[in-house]
Amino acid sequence: MLTIKTIAAIAMLASASGVFAQSTEPGTVNAICSTDLSWCELAAQEFTRATGIKVLQAHKATGEAAAQLRAEAANPKTDLWWGGTGDPYLQAAEQGLLEPYRPTYMNDLHSWSVRQYAMTQNMVGGFYTSAIGFGWNTELLKKKNLPEPKCWADMVKSEYKGDIEISHPASSGTAYTILAGLVQLMGEEPAFDYMQKLHKNISNYTRSGQAQAPNVAKGEVAIGISFIFGFDGWRHNKFPVKTTAPCEGTSYEVGGIAMVKGQRNKEAAKRYYDWLMSPQGQAIGGRANSLQAPANKTFKQDPRIPSLDDVRLIKYDFEKYGKSAERKRLLERWRKEVEALPR
């Protein structure tokens, strides 16, 4: 027969070993989300509702998120990073900031998602995809008597001076995708010549590539350059917005998802990761009016997601332009030869 003293001793040992704590506390995961805020917030809420695991999540542009992981490298505070353009993820993998994780459900994912795993030794997965394009406020263009832009060549015409907004490539993965895409589309010298001309028409370089769609929809700027899906979300909500992909061709993203090296809550992070990649997690995008094409192919995606069938996508070299040295070189050149110019 167990005495009261014996039972108390067992309880103390169990408590010290964490047995009782693990059985009653579902856990916490610390995450950075770099996609649309609406998707970030709804995903965290739904995951917690489904699992009981608490999500402590910051919303940061991909460039800022990567900088945070570098600053935390000696003492990581983040477990999982998801959403946002993939190039900063590839650079973080190269810098040893991420940890390999190969899901068991690879056959459920599109080939472009699987390629990201293969290219990074399983440190980065492809979370979604979308193409760069133009969005404009139809009422503002009509008021200003401006034609609708169709091509990259249109955007440098003097009539658009002060009417175009884009994000800053140092902080925004979206803008780096545009920069690297133009270099691949045109060749580096013609691309920088083009960006110098475009610079004269830019009203503002925003911190995040998620700013252009709402700013265009609300009439704060006439034209934005960003991912097409962002503008389409506002168009479907009856704002005076139209979109197109550049006629010459355009770059695209494969948004990332990754486990952070040295994370403190590995099991909770794995559960959040797997849930985000599941049909339930991937469908959150459409529910949150964030209309990127999802990586998981085993469910019917939101019909509002823009098709890429008629978009001329360049053969984007993720391996080359995802390297830290190449990003640093292009950004330094952009700062010296483009940003430094007067507008």
C-alpha atoms as a PDB file:
ATOM      1  CA  MET A   1       0.000   0.000   0.000  1.00  0.00           C
ATOM      2  CA  LEU A   2       1.281   3.449  -0.894  1.00  0.00           C
ATOM      3  CA  THR A   3       1.555   5.849   1.997  1.00  0.00           C
ATOM      4  CA  ILE A   4       0.750   9.536   1.705  1.00  0.00           C
ATOM      5  CA  LYS A   5       4.461  10.250   2.029  1.00  0.00           C
ATOM      6  CA  THR A   6       5.263   7.875  -0.882  1.00  0.00           C
ATOM      7  CA  ILE A   7       2.582   9.416  -3.103  1.00  0.00           C
ATOM      8  CA  ALA A   8       3.937  12.881  -2.373  1.00  0.00           C
ATOM      9  CA  ALA A   9       7.464  11.766  -3.242  1.00  0.00           C
ATOM     10  CA  ILE A  10       6.287  10.305  -6.584  1.00  0.00           C
ATOM     11  CA  ALA A  11       4.437  13.511  -7.354  1.00  0.00           C
ATOM     12  CA  MET A  12       7.536  15.590  -6.672  1.00  0.00           C
ATOM     13  CA  LEU A  13       9.675  13.371  -8.922  1.00  0.00           C
ATOM     14  CA  ALA A  14       7.105  13.488 -11.711  1.00  0.00           C
ATOM     15  CA  SER A  15       6.801  17.245 -11.457  1.00  0.00           C
ATOM     16  CA  ALA A  16      10.565  17.671 -11.512  1.00  0.00           C
ATOM     17  CA  SER A  17      10.888  15.489 -14.611  1.00  0.00           C
ATOM     18  CA  GLY A  18       8.182  17.478 -16.417  1.00  0.00           C
ATOM     19  CA  VAL A  19       5.814  14.511 -16.811  1.00  0.00           C
ATOM     20  CA  PHE A  20       2.840  16.319 -15.322  1.00  0.00           C
ATOM     21  CA  ALA A  21       3.686  19.581 -17.118  1.00  0.00           C
ATOM     22  CA  GLN A  22       3.886  17.860 -20.527  1.00  0.00           C
ATOM     23  CA  SER A  23       0.570  16.117 -20.050  1.00  0.00           C
ATOM     24  CA  THR A  24      -1.346  19.272 -19.118  1.00  0.00           C
ATOM     25  CA  GLU A  25       0.435  22.032 -21.101  1.00  0.00           C
ATOM     26  CA  PRO A  26      -0.019  21.812 -24.911  1.00  0.00           C
ATOM     27  CA  GLY A  27       2.973  24.045 -25.607  1.00  0.00           C
ATOM     28  CA  THR A  28       3.979  27.262 -27.313  1.00  0.00           C
ATOM     29  CA  VAL A  29       5.571  28.072 -30.661  1.00  0.00           C
ATOM     30  CA  ASN A  30       7.419  31.310 -31.471  1.00  0.00           C
ATOM     31  CA  ALA A  31       7.017  32.229 -35.126  1.00  0.00           C
ATOM     32  CA  ILE A  32       7.693  34.966 -37.635  1.00  0.00           C
ATOM     33  CA  CYS A  33       5.141  35.339 -40.424  1.00  0.00           C
ATOM     34  CA  SER A  34       6.066  37.323 -43.537  1.00  0.00           C
ATOM     35  CA  THR A  35       2.953  36.970 -45.662  1.00  0.00           C
ATOM     36  CA  ASP A  36      -0.219  39.089 -45.506  1.00  0.00           C
ATOM     37  CA  LEU A  37      -1.136  40.010 -41.935  1.00  0.00           C
ATOM     38  CA  SER A  38      -4.667  38.643 -42.375  1.00  0.00           C
ATOM     39  CA  TRP A  39      -3.299  35.171 -43.197  1.00  0.00           C
ATOM     40  CA  CYS A  40      -0.764  35.329 -40.367  1.00  0.00           C
ATOM     41  CA  GLU A  41      -3.374  36.192 -37.756  1.00  0.00           C
ATOM     42  CA  LEU A  42      -6.078  33.777 -38.909  1.00  0.00           C
ATOM     43  CA  ALA A  43      -3.621  30.880 -39.205  1.00  0.00           C
ATOM     44  CA  ALA A  44      -2.367  31.404 -35.656  1.00  0.00           C
ATOM     45  CA  GLN A  45      -5.909  31.598 -34.293  1.00  0.00           C
ATOM     46  CA  GLU A  46      -7.117  28.486 -36.138  1.00  0.00           C
ATOM     47  CA  PHE A  47      -4.043  26.424 -35.228  1.00  0.00           C
ATOM     48  CA  THR A  48      -4.411  27.276 -31.555  1.00  0.00           C
ATOM     49  CA  ARG A  49      -8.102  26.419 -31.712  1.00  0.00           C
ATOM     50  CA  ALA A  50      -7.305  23.062 -33.327  1.00  0.00           C
ATOM     51  CA  THR A  51      -4.368  22.048 -31.147  1.00  0.00           C
ATOM     52  CA  GLY A  52      -4.324  24.146 -27.992  1.00  0.00           C
ATOM     53  CA  ILE A  53      -0.760  25.199 -28.811  1.00  0.00           C
ATOM     54  CA  LYS A  54      -0.197  28.914 -28.241  1.00  0.00           C
ATOM     55  CA  VAL A  55       1.351  30.867 -31.128  1.00  0.00           C
ATOM     56  CA  LEU A  56       3.512  33.877 -30.293  1.00  0.00           C
ATOM     57  CA  GLN A  57       3.949  35.380 -33.742  1.00  0.00           C
ATOM     58  CA  ALA A  58       5.547  38.539 -35.135  1.00  0.00           C
ATOM     59  CA  HIS A  59       4.694  39.974 -38.555  1.00  0.00           C
ATOM     60  CA  LYS A  60       7.792  41.129 -40.444  1.00  0.00           C
ATOM     61  CA  ALA A  61       8.886  41.643 -44.048  1.00  0.00           C
ATOM     62  CA  THR A  62      11.234  38.889 -45.197  1.00  0.00           C
ATOM     63  CA  GLY A  63      14.325  41.111 -45.205  1.00  0.00           C
ATOM     64  CA  GLU A  64      13.618  42.196 -41.651  1.00  0.00           C
ATOM     65  CA  ALA A  65      12.857  38.632 -40.564  1.00  0.00           C
ATOM     66  CA  ALA A  66      16.165  37.378 -41.963  1.00  0.00           C
ATOM     67  CA  ALA A  67      17.990  40.192 -40.182  1.00  0.00           C
ATOM     68  CA  GLN A  68      16.330  39.196 -36.903  1.00  0.00           C
ATOM     69  CA  LEU A  69      17.395  35.568 -37.311  1.00  0.00           C
ATOM     70  CA  ARG A  70      20.979  36.672 -37.937  1.00  0.00           C
ATOM     71  CA  ALA A  71      20.901  38.840 -34.810  1.00  0.00           C
ATOM     72  CA  GLU A  72      19.488  35.948 -32.757  1.00  0.00           C
ATOM     73  CA  ALA A  73      21.806  33.282 -34.173  1.00  0.00           C
ATOM     74  CA  ALA A  74      23.767  32.755 -30.946  1.00  0.00           C
ATOM     75  CA  ASN A  75      20.571  32.543 -28.881  1.00  0.00           C
ATOM     76  CA  PRO A  76      17.564  31.799 -31.150  1.00  0.00           C
ATOM     77  CA  LYS A  77      14.203  33.041 -29.935  1.00  0.00           C
ATOM     78  CA  THR A  78      12.261  32.035 -33.051  1.00  0.00           C
ATOM     79  CA  ASP A  79      11.125  28.471 -33.804  1.00  0.00           C
ATOM     80  CA  LEU A  80       9.463  28.783 -37.198  1.00  0.00           C
ATOM     81  CA  TRP A  81       9.449  31.282 -40.078  1.00  0.00           C
ATOM     82  CA  TRP A  82       6.809  31.108 -42.785  1.00  0.00           C
ATOM     83  CA  GLY A  83       5.393  33.084 -45.703  1.00  0.00           C
ATOM     84  CA  GLY A  84       6.963  35.801 -47.810  1.00  0.00           C
ATOM     85  CA  THR A  85       9.325  35.645 -50.758  1.00  0.00           C
ATOM     86  CA  GLY A  86      11.723  32.730 -50.875  1.00  0.00           C
ATOM     87  CA  ASP A  87      15.058  34.388 -51.687  1.00  0.00           C
ATOM     88  CA  PRO A  88      15.720  35.576 -48.099  1.00  0.00           C
ATOM     89  CA  TYR A  89      14.987  32.025 -46.926  1.00  0.00           C
ATOM     90  CA  LEU A  90      17.629  30.654 -49.297  1.00  0.00           C
ATOM     91  CA  GLN A  91      20.106  33.192 -47.969  1.00  0.00           C
ATOM     92  CA  ALA A  92      19.267  32.262 -44.363  1.00  0.00           C
ATOM     93  CA  ALA A  93      19.825  28.592 -45.228  1.00  0.00           C
ATOM     94  CA  GLU A  94      23.193  29.431 -46.764  1.00  0.00           C
ATOM     95  CA  GLN A  95      24.144  31.313 -43.594  1.00  0.00           C
ATOM     96  CA  GLY A  96      23.357  28.310 -41.384  1.00  0.00           C
ATOM     97  CA  LEU A  97      20.335  29.904 -39.685  1.00  0.00           C
ATOM     98  CA  LEU A  98      17.833  27.178 -40.577  1.00  0.00           C
ATOM     99  CA  GLU A  99      17.408  23.514 -39.687  1.00  0.00           C
ATOM    100  CA  PRO A 100      16.543  20.730 -42.153  1.00  0.00           C
ATOM    101  CA  TYR A 101      13.038  19.318 -42.017  1.00  0.00           C
ATOM    102  CA  ARG A 102      11.672  16.975 -44.685  1.00  0.00           C
ATOM    103  CA  PRO A 103       7.937  16.347 -44.336  1.00  0.00           C
ATOM    104  CA  THR A 104       6.435  12.915 -44.912  1.00  0.00           C
ATOM    105  CA  TYR A 105       3.786  14.354 -47.252  1.00  0.00           C
ATOM    106  CA  MET A 106       6.037  15.488 -50.121  1.00  0.00           C
ATOM    107  CA  ASN A 107       3.789  13.744 -52.660  1.00  0.00           C
ATOM    108  CA  ASP A 108       0.982  16.119 -51.639  1.00  0.00           C
ATOM    109  CA  LEU A 109       3.008  19.148 -52.780  1.00  0.00           C
ATOM    110  CA  HIS A 110       3.473  20.752 -56.206  1.00  0.00           C
ATOM    111  CA  SER A 111       6.818  20.189 -57.940  1.00  0.00           C
ATOM    112  CA  TRP A 112       7.903  23.822 -57.467  1.00  0.00           C
ATOM    113  CA  SER A 113       7.531  23.365 -53.718  1.00  0.00           C
ATOM    114  CA  VAL A 114       9.476  20.109 -53.687  1.00  0.00           C
ATOM    115  CA  ARG A 115      12.310  21.735 -55.693  1.00  0.00           C
ATOM    116  CA  GLN A 116      12.891  24.201 -52.845  1.00  0.00           C
ATOM    117  CA  TYR A 117      13.493  21.319 -50.455  1.00  0.00           C
ATOM    118  CA  ALA A 118      15.916  19.668 -52.864  1.00  0.00           C
ATOM    119  CA  MET A 119      17.808  22.891 -53.529  1.00  0.00           C
ATOM    120  CA  THR A 120      18.339  23.665 -49.823  1.00  0.00           C
ATOM    121  CA  GLN A 121      18.960  20.188 -48.388  1.00  0.00           C
ATOM    122  CA  ASN A 122      15.457  20.327 -46.855  1.00  0.00           C
ATOM    123  CA  MET A 123      16.011  23.593 -45.012  1.00  0.00           C
ATOM    124  CA  VAL A 124      13.415  25.563 -47.011  1.00  0.00           C
ATOM    125  CA  GLY A 125      10.078  24.384 -48.320  1.00  0.00           C
ATOM    126  CA  GLY A 126       7.924  26.047 -50.960  1.00  0.00           C
ATOM    127  CA  PHE A 127       4.818  27.412 -49.237  1.00  0.00           C
ATOM    128  CA  TYR A 128       3.007  29.144 -52.143  1.00  0.00           C
ATOM    129  CA  THR A 129       3.732  30.837 -55.467  1.00  0.00           C
ATOM    130  CA  SER A 130       2.690  34.057 -57.226  1.00  0.00           C
ATOM    131  CA  ALA A 131       3.862  36.395 -59.995  1.00  0.00           C
ATOM    132  CA  ILE A 132       5.012  40.024 -60.043  1.00  0.00           C
ATOM    133  CA  GLY A 133       2.754  42.443 -61.880  1.00  0.00           C
ATOM    134  CA  PHE A 134       1.068  45.831 -61.912  1.00  0.00           C
ATOM    135  CA  GLY A 135      -2.044  46.995 -60.130  1.00  0.00           C
ATOM    136  CA  TRP A 136      -3.718  50.338 -60.653  1.00  0.00           C
ATOM    137  CA  ASN A 137      -6.632  52.382 -59.415  1.00  0.00           C
ATOM    138  CA  THR A 138      -8.962  52.781 -62.387  1.00  0.00           C
ATOM    139  CA  GLU A 139     -10.610  55.907 -61.011  1.00  0.00           C
ATOM    140  CA  LEU A 140      -7.289  57.658 -60.392  1.00  0.00           C
ATOM    141  CA  LEU A 141      -5.946  56.823 -63.844  1.00  0.00           C
ATOM    142  CA  LYS A 142      -9.135  58.143 -65.413  1.00  0.00           C
ATOM    143  CA  LYS A 143      -8.952  61.306 -63.313  1.00  0.00           C
ATOM    144  CA  LYS A 144      -5.319  61.848 -64.309  1.00  0.00           C
ATOM    145  CA  ASN A 145      -6.082  60.920 -67.934  1.00  0.00           C
ATOM    146  CA  LEU A 146      -3.392  58.202 -67.864  1.00  0.00           C
ATOM    147  CA  PRO A 147      -3.430  54.988 -69.946  1.00  0.00           C
ATOM    148  CA  GLU A 148      -3.428  51.592 -68.280  1.00  0.00           C
ATOM    149  CA  PRO A 149       0.117  50.148 -68.136  1.00  0.00           C
ATOM    150  CA  LYS A 150       0.670  46.832 -69.874  1.00  0.00           C
ATOM    151  CA  CYS A 151       4.443  46.407 -70.073  1.00  0.00           C
ATOM    152  CA  TRP A 152       7.642  47.225 -68.200  1.00  0.00           C
ATOM    153  CA  ALA A 153       8.354  49.698 -71.000  1.00  0.00           C
ATOM    154  CA  ASP A 154       5.233  51.675 -70.073  1.00  0.00           C
ATOM    155  CA  MET A 155       6.333  52.230 -66.482  1.00  0.00           C
ATOM    156  CA  VAL A 156       9.266  54.477 -67.375  1.00  0.00           C
ATOM    157  CA  LYS A 157       7.232  56.885 -69.481  1.00  0.00           C
ATOM    158  CA  SER A 158       7.371  60.454 -68.152  1.00  0.00           C
ATOM    159  CA  GLU A 159       3.588  60.692 -67.928  1.00  0.00           C
ATOM    160  CA  TYR A 160       3.667  58.378 -64.895  1.00  0.00           C
ATOM    161  CA  LYS A 161       6.081  60.536 -62.886  1.00  0.00           C
ATOM    162  CA  GLY A 162       5.186  60.405 -59.187  1.00  0.00           C
ATOM    163  CA  ASP A 163       2.348  57.945 -59.745  1.00  0.00           C
ATOM    164  CA  ILE A 164       4.112  54.607 -59.158  1.00  0.00           C
ATOM    165  CA  GLU A 165       4.858  52.939 -55.832  1.00  0.00           C
ATOM    166  CA  ILE A 166       7.194  50.007 -55.160  1.00  0.00           C
ATOM    167  CA  SER A 167       8.890  48.565 -52.080  1.00  0.00           C
ATOM    168  CA  HIS A 168      12.550  48.864 -51.035  1.00  0.00           C
ATOM    169  CA  PRO A 169      14.700  45.836 -51.994  1.00  0.00           C
ATOM    170  CA  ALA A 170      16.801  45.977 -48.809  1.00  0.00           C
ATOM    171  CA  SER A 171      13.811  45.339 -46.536  1.00  0.00           C
ATOM    172  CA  SER A 172      11.331  43.747 -48.927  1.00  0.00           C
ATOM    173  CA  GLY A 173      11.690  40.327 -50.501  1.00  0.00           C
ATOM    174  CA  THR A 174       9.082  41.406 -53.043  1.00  0.00           C
ATOM    175  CA  ALA A 175      11.272  44.249 -54.289  1.00  0.00           C
ATOM    176  CA  TYR A 176      14.341  42.012 -54.412  1.00  0.00           C
ATOM    177  CA  THR A 177      12.342  39.570 -56.543  1.00  0.00           C
ATOM    178  CA  ILE A 178      11.564  42.475 -58.895  1.00  0.00           C
ATOM    179  CA  LEU A 179      15.202  43.612 -58.953  1.00  0.00           C
ATOM    180  CA  ALA A 180      16.622  40.142 -59.583  1.00  0.00           C
ATOM    181  CA  GLY A 181      13.873  39.421 -62.088  1.00  0.00           C
ATOM    182  CA  LEU A 182      14.621  42.509 -64.168  1.00  0.00           C
ATOM    183  CA  VAL A 183      18.316  41.584 -64.215  1.00  0.00           C
ATOM    184  CA  GLN A 184      17.427  38.136 -65.531  1.00  0.00           C
ATOM    185  CA  LEU A 185      14.841  39.420 -67.993  1.00  0.00           C
ATOM    186  CA  MET A 186      16.864  42.265 -69.507  1.00  0.00           C
ATOM    187  CA  GLY A 187      20.492  41.581 -68.626  1.00  0.00           C
ATOM    188  CA  GLU A 188      22.209  43.410 -65.777  1.00  0.00           C
ATOM    189  CA  GLU A 189      23.354  46.588 -67.541  1.00  0.00           C
ATOM    190  CA  PRO A 190      20.046  47.248 -69.350  1.00  0.00           C
ATOM    191  CA  ALA A 191      18.162  46.402 -66.139  1.00  0.00           C
ATOM    192  CA  PHE A 192      20.023  49.016 -64.097  1.00  0.00           C
ATOM    193  CA  ASP A 193      19.563  51.557 -66.860  1.00  0.00           C
ATOM    194  CA  TYR A 194      15.856  50.736 -66.763  1.00  0.00           C
ATOM    195  CA  MET A 195      15.643  51.047 -62.962  1.00  0.00           C
ATOM    196  CA  GLN A 196      17.314  54.462 -63.086  1.00  0.00           C
ATOM    197  CA  LYS A 197      14.549  55.609 -65.438  1.00  0.00           C
ATOM    198  CA  LEU A 198      11.866  53.963 -63.311  1.00  0.00           C
ATOM    199  CA  HIS A 199      13.264  55.687 -60.205  1.00  0.00           C
ATOM    200  CA  LYS A 200      12.199  59.065 -61.611  1.00  0.00           C
ATOM    201  CA  ASN A 201       8.576  57.916 -61.608  1.00  0.00           C
ATOM    202  CA  ILE A 202       8.531  56.390 -58.112  1.00  0.00           C
ATOM    203  CA  SER A 203       6.541  58.287 -55.493  1.00  0.00           C
ATOM    204  CA  ASN A 204       7.679  56.163 -52.547  1.00  0.00           C
ATOM    205  CA  TYR A 205       9.755  53.084 -51.661  1.00  0.00           C
ATOM    206  CA  THR A 206       7.814  51.306 -48.915  1.00  0.00           C
ATOM    207  CA  ARG A 207       9.312  49.022 -46.269  1.00  0.00           C
ATOM    208  CA  SER A 208       7.110  46.084 -47.252  1.00  0.00           C
ATOM    209  CA  GLY A 209       5.868  44.737 -50.562  1.00  0.00           C
ATOM    210  CA  GLN A 210       2.448  44.259 -48.982  1.00  0.00           C
ATOM    211  CA  ALA A 211       1.804  48.027 -48.958  1.00  0.00           C
ATOM    212  CA  GLN A 212       1.176  48.582 -52.663  1.00  0.00           C
ATOM    213  CA  ALA A 213      -2.167  46.774 -52.949  1.00  0.00           C
ATOM    214  CA  PRO A 214      -4.014  48.657 -50.176  1.00  0.00           C
ATOM    215  CA  ASN A 215      -2.422  51.962 -51.182  1.00  0.00           C
ATOM    216  CA  VAL A 216      -3.620  51.526 -54.770  1.00  0.00           C
ATOM    217  CA  ALA A 217      -7.070  50.302 -53.731  1.00  0.00           C
ATOM    218  CA  LYS A 218      -7.604  53.262 -51.399  1.00  0.00           C
ATOM    219  CA  GLY A 219      -6.448  55.763 -54.007  1.00  0.00           C
ATOM    220  CA  GLU A 220      -3.284  56.819 -52.186  1.00  0.00           C
ATOM    221  CA  VAL A 221      -1.234  56.066 -55.313  1.00  0.00           C
ATOM    222  CA  ALA A 222      -2.255  55.380 -58.905  1.00  0.00           C
ATOM    223  CA  ILE A 223      -0.050  52.366 -59.743  1.00  0.00           C
ATOM    224  CA  GLY A 224       1.780  49.746 -57.709  1.00  0.00           C
ATOM    225  CA  ILE A 225       4.350  47.117 -58.619  1.00  0.00           C
ATOM    226  CA  SER A 226       4.088  44.015 -56.465  1.00  0.00           C
ATOM    227  CA  PHE A 227       2.641  40.501 -56.535  1.00  0.00           C
ATOM    228  CA  ILE A 228      -0.553  40.334 -58.575  1.00  0.00           C
ATOM    229  CA  PHE A 229      -2.484  38.343 -55.983  1.00  0.00           C
ATOM    230  CA  GLY A 230      -2.354  41.254 -53.522  1.00  0.00           C
ATOM    231  CA  PHE A 231      -4.122  43.625 -55.903  1.00  0.00           C
ATOM    232  CA  ASP A 232      -6.648  40.967 -56.898  1.00  0.00           C
ATOM    233  CA  GLY A 233      -7.745  40.561 -53.306  1.00  0.00           C
ATOM    234  CA  TRP A 234      -8.900  44.194 -53.280  1.00  0.00           C
ATOM    235  CA  ARG A 235     -10.404  43.882 -56.762  1.00  0.00           C
ATOM    236  CA  HIS A 236     -12.590  40.994 -55.603  1.00  0.00           C
ATOM    237  CA  ASN A 237     -13.734  43.205 -52.724  1.00  0.00           C
ATOM    238  CA  LYS A 238     -15.155  45.700 -55.246  1.00  0.00           C
ATOM    239  CA  PHE A 239     -12.395  48.300 -55.065  1.00  0.00           C
ATOM    240  CA  PRO A 240     -11.566  50.118 -58.351  1.00  0.00           C
ATOM    241  CA  VAL A 241      -8.493  48.004 -59.069  1.00  0.00           C
ATOM    242  CA  LYS A 242      -7.239  46.269 -62.217  1.00  0.00           C
ATOM    243  CA  THR A 243      -4.150  44.118 -62.689  1.00  0.00           C
ATOM    244  CA  THR A 244      -1.887  42.724 -65.360  1.00  0.00           C
ATOM    245  CA  ALA A 245       1.379  40.865 -65.749  1.00  0.00           C
ATOM    246  CA  PRO A 246       4.072  42.712 -67.768  1.00  0.00           C
ATOM    247  CA  CYS A 247       3.912  41.831 -71.450  1.00  0.00           C
ATOM    248  CA  GLU A 248       7.685  41.225 -71.731  1.00  0.00           C
ATOM    249  CA  GLY A 249       7.703  38.618 -68.948  1.00  0.00           C
ATOM    250  CA  THR A 250       8.004  38.719 -65.183  1.00  0.00           C
ATOM    251  CA  SER A 251       9.554  37.126 -62.126  1.00  0.00           C
ATOM    252  CA  TYR A 252       7.720  35.120 -59.533  1.00  0.00           C
ATOM    253  CA  GLU A 253       8.174  33.923 -56.010  1.00  0.00           C
ATOM    254  CA  VAL A 254       8.103  30.628 -54.243  1.00  0.00           C
ATOM    255  CA  GLY A 255       7.210  31.674 -50.721  1.00  0.00           C
ATOM    256  CA  GLY A 256       9.156  29.934 -47.975  1.00  0.00           C
ATOM    257  CA  ILE A 257       8.639  27.984 -44.782  1.00  0.00           C
ATOM    258  CA  ALA A 258      11.486  26.884 -42.515  1.00  0.00           C
ATOM    259  CA  MET A 259      12.457  25.634 -39.081  1.00  0.00           C
ATOM    260  CA  VAL A 260      14.945  27.884 -37.300  1.00  0.00           C
ATOM    261  CA  LYS A 261      18.206  26.296 -36.191  1.00  0.00           C
ATOM    262  CA  GLY A 262      18.420  25.928 -32.423  1.00  0.00           C
ATOM    263  CA  GLN A 263      14.697  26.496 -31.877  1.00  0.00           C
ATOM    264  CA  ARG A 264      13.437  25.944 -28.334  1.00  0.00           C
ATOM    265  CA  ASN A 265      10.032  24.428 -29.094  1.00  0.00           C
ATOM    266  CA  LYS A 266      10.787  21.854 -31.770  1.00  0.00           C
ATOM    267  CA  GLU A 267       7.752  19.607 -31.434  1.00  0.00           C
ATOM    268  CA  ALA A 268       5.281  22.492 -31.303  1.00  0.00           C
ATOM    269  CA  ALA A 269       7.057  24.096 -34.273  1.00  0.00           C
ATOM    270  CA  LYS A 270       6.782  20.857 -36.288  1.00  0.00           C
ATOM    271  CA  ARG A 271       3.073  20.660 -35.562  1.00  0.00           C
ATOM    272  CA  TYR A 272       2.547  24.270 -36.688  1.00  0.00           C
ATOM    273  CA  TYR A 273       4.682  23.663 -39.806  1.00  0.00           C
ATOM    274  CA  ASP A 274       2.740  20.527 -40.782  1.00  0.00           C
ATOM    275  CA  TRP A 275      -0.590  22.204 -40.100  1.00  0.00           C
ATOM    276  CA  LEU A 276       0.347  25.228 -42.244  1.00  0.00           C
ATOM    277  CA  MET A 277       1.229  22.897 -45.141  1.00  0.00           C
ATOM    278  CA  SER A 278      -1.934  20.805 -44.759  1.00  0.00           C
ATOM    279  CA  PRO A 279      -5.109  21.457 -46.783  1.00  0.00           C
ATOM    280  CA  GLN A 280      -6.643  23.050 -43.664  1.00  0.00           C
ATOM    281  CA  GLY A 281      -3.704  25.413 -43.171  1.00  0.00           C
ATOM    282  CA  GLN A 282      -3.209  26.214 -46.848  1.00  0.00           C
ATOM    283  CA  ALA A 283      -6.903  27.036 -47.278  1.00  0.00           C
ATOM    284  CA  ILE A 284      -6.527  29.793 -44.681  1.00  0.00           C
ATOM    285  CA  GLY A 285      -4.983  31.975 -47.408  1.00  0.00           C
ATOM    286  CA  GLY A 286      -8.214  32.175 -49.381  1.00  0.00           C
ATOM    287  CA  ARG A 287     -10.265  32.635 -46.231  1.00  0.00           C
ATOM    288  CA  ALA A 288      -8.020  35.585 -45.319  1.00  0.00           C
ATOM    289  CA  ASN A 289      -8.248  37.048 -48.858  1.00  0.00           C
ATOM    290  CA  SER A 290      -4.554  36.308 -49.430  1.00  0.00           C
ATOM    291  CA  LEU A 291      -4.650  34.762 -52.882  1.00  0.00           C
ATOM    292  CA  GLN A 292      -1.301  33.081 -53.559  1.00  0.00           C
ATOM    293  CA  ALA A 293      -1.369  29.653 -55.237  1.00  0.00           C
ATOM    294  CA  PRO A 294      -0.895  27.068 -52.436  1.00  0.00           C
ATOM    295  CA  ALA A 295       1.791  24.371 -52.355  1.00  0.00           C
ATOM    296  CA  ASN A 296      -0.549  21.575 -51.298  1.00  0.00           C
ATOM    297  CA  LYS A 297      -2.303  20.129 -54.348  1.00  0.00           C
ATOM    298  CA  THR A 298      -4.702  17.757 -52.558  1.00  0.00           C
ATOM    299  CA  PHE A 299      -7.567  20.205 -52.122  1.00  0.00           C
ATOM    300  CA  LYS A 300      -9.564  22.597 -54.300  1.00  0.00           C
ATOM    301  CA  GLN A 301      -7.983  26.040 -54.085  1.00  0.00           C
ATOM    302  CA  ASP A 302      -9.933  29.281 -53.842  1.00  0.00           C
ATOM    303  CA  PRO A 303     -11.336  30.133 -57.314  1.00  0.00           C
ATOM    304  CA  ARG A 304     -10.299  33.799 -56.870  1.00  0.00           C
ATOM    305  CA  ILE A 305      -6.590  32.905 -56.951  1.00  0.00           C
ATOM    306  CA  PRO A 306      -5.171  34.410 -60.174  1.00  0.00           C
ATOM    307  CA  SER A 307      -4.127  31.876 -62.788  1.00  0.00           C
ATOM    308  CA  LEU A 308      -0.541  31.906 -64.036  1.00  0.00           C
ATOM    309  CA  ASP A 309      -1.481  30.160 -67.287  1.00  0.00           C
ATOM    310  CA  ASP A 310      -1.304  33.342 -69.389  1.00  0.00           C
ATOM    311  CA  VAL A 311       1.615  34.956 -67.541  1.00  0.00           C
ATOM    312  CA  ARG A 312       5.031  34.970 -69.244  1.00  0.00           C
ATOM    313  CA  LEU A 313       7.199  33.766 -66.374  1.00  0.00           C
ATOM    314  CA  ILE A 314      10.965  34.083 -66.700  1.00  0.00           C
ATOM    315  CA  LYS A 315      13.163  31.114 -65.837  1.00  0.00           C
ATOM    316  CA  TYR A 316      14.011  32.512 -62.410  1.00  0.00           C
ATOM    317  CA  ASP A 317      17.372  31.271 -61.124  1.00  0.00           C
ATOM    318  CA  PHE A 318      16.571  30.794 -57.435  1.00  0.00           C
ATOM    319  CA  GLU A 319      19.916  29.150 -56.729  1.00  0.00           C
ATOM    320  CA  LYS A 320      22.001  32.066 -58.050  1.00  0.00           C
ATOM    321  CA  TYR A 321      19.854  34.978 -56.875  1.00  0.00           C
ATOM    322  CA  GLY A 322      19.082  33.315 -53.571  1.00  0.00           C
ATOM    323  CA  LYS A 323      22.733  33.501 -52.499  1.00  0.00           C
ATOM    324  CA  SER A 324      23.714  36.105 -49.923  1.00  0.00           C
ATOM    325  CA  ALA A 325      26.699  37.404 -51.890  1.00  0.00           C
ATOM    326  CA  GLU A 326      24.610  37.985 -55.029  1.00  0.00           C
ATOM    327  CA  ARG A 327      21.870  39.729 -53.079  1.00  0.00           C
ATOM    328  CA  LYS A 328      24.419  41.940 -51.321  1.00  0.00           C
ATOM    329  CA  ARG A 329      26.127  42.816 -54.603  1.00  0.00           C
ATOM    330  CA  LEU A 330      22.883  43.745 -56.369  1.00  0.00           C
ATOM    331  CA  LEU A 331      21.605  45.759 -53.409  1.00  0.00           C
ATOM    332  CA  GLU A 332      24.847  47.723 -53.131  1.00  0.00           C
ATOM    333  CA  ARG A 333      24.757  48.510 -56.824  1.00  0.00           C
ATOM    334  CA  TRP A 334      21.076  49.488 -56.603  1.00  0.00           C
ATOM    335  CA  ARG A 335      21.755  51.846 -53.702  1.00  0.00           C
ATOM    336  CA  LYS A 336      24.676  53.528 -55.485  1.00  0.00           C
ATOM    337  CA  GLU A 337      23.238  53.711 -58.985  1.00  0.00           C
ATOM    338  CA  VAL A 338      19.489  53.979 -58.422  1.00  0.00           C
ATOM    339  CA  GLU A 339      18.468  55.035 -54.918  1.00  0.00           C
ATOM    340  CA  ALA A 340      21.124  57.756 -54.764  1.00  0.00           C
ATOM    341  CA  LEU A 341      19.689  59.519 -57.810  1.00  0.00           C
ATOM    342  CA  PRO A 342      17.365  62.494 -57.338  1.00  0.00           C
ATOM    343  CA  ARG A 343      13.701  62.120 -58.191  1.00  0.00           C
END
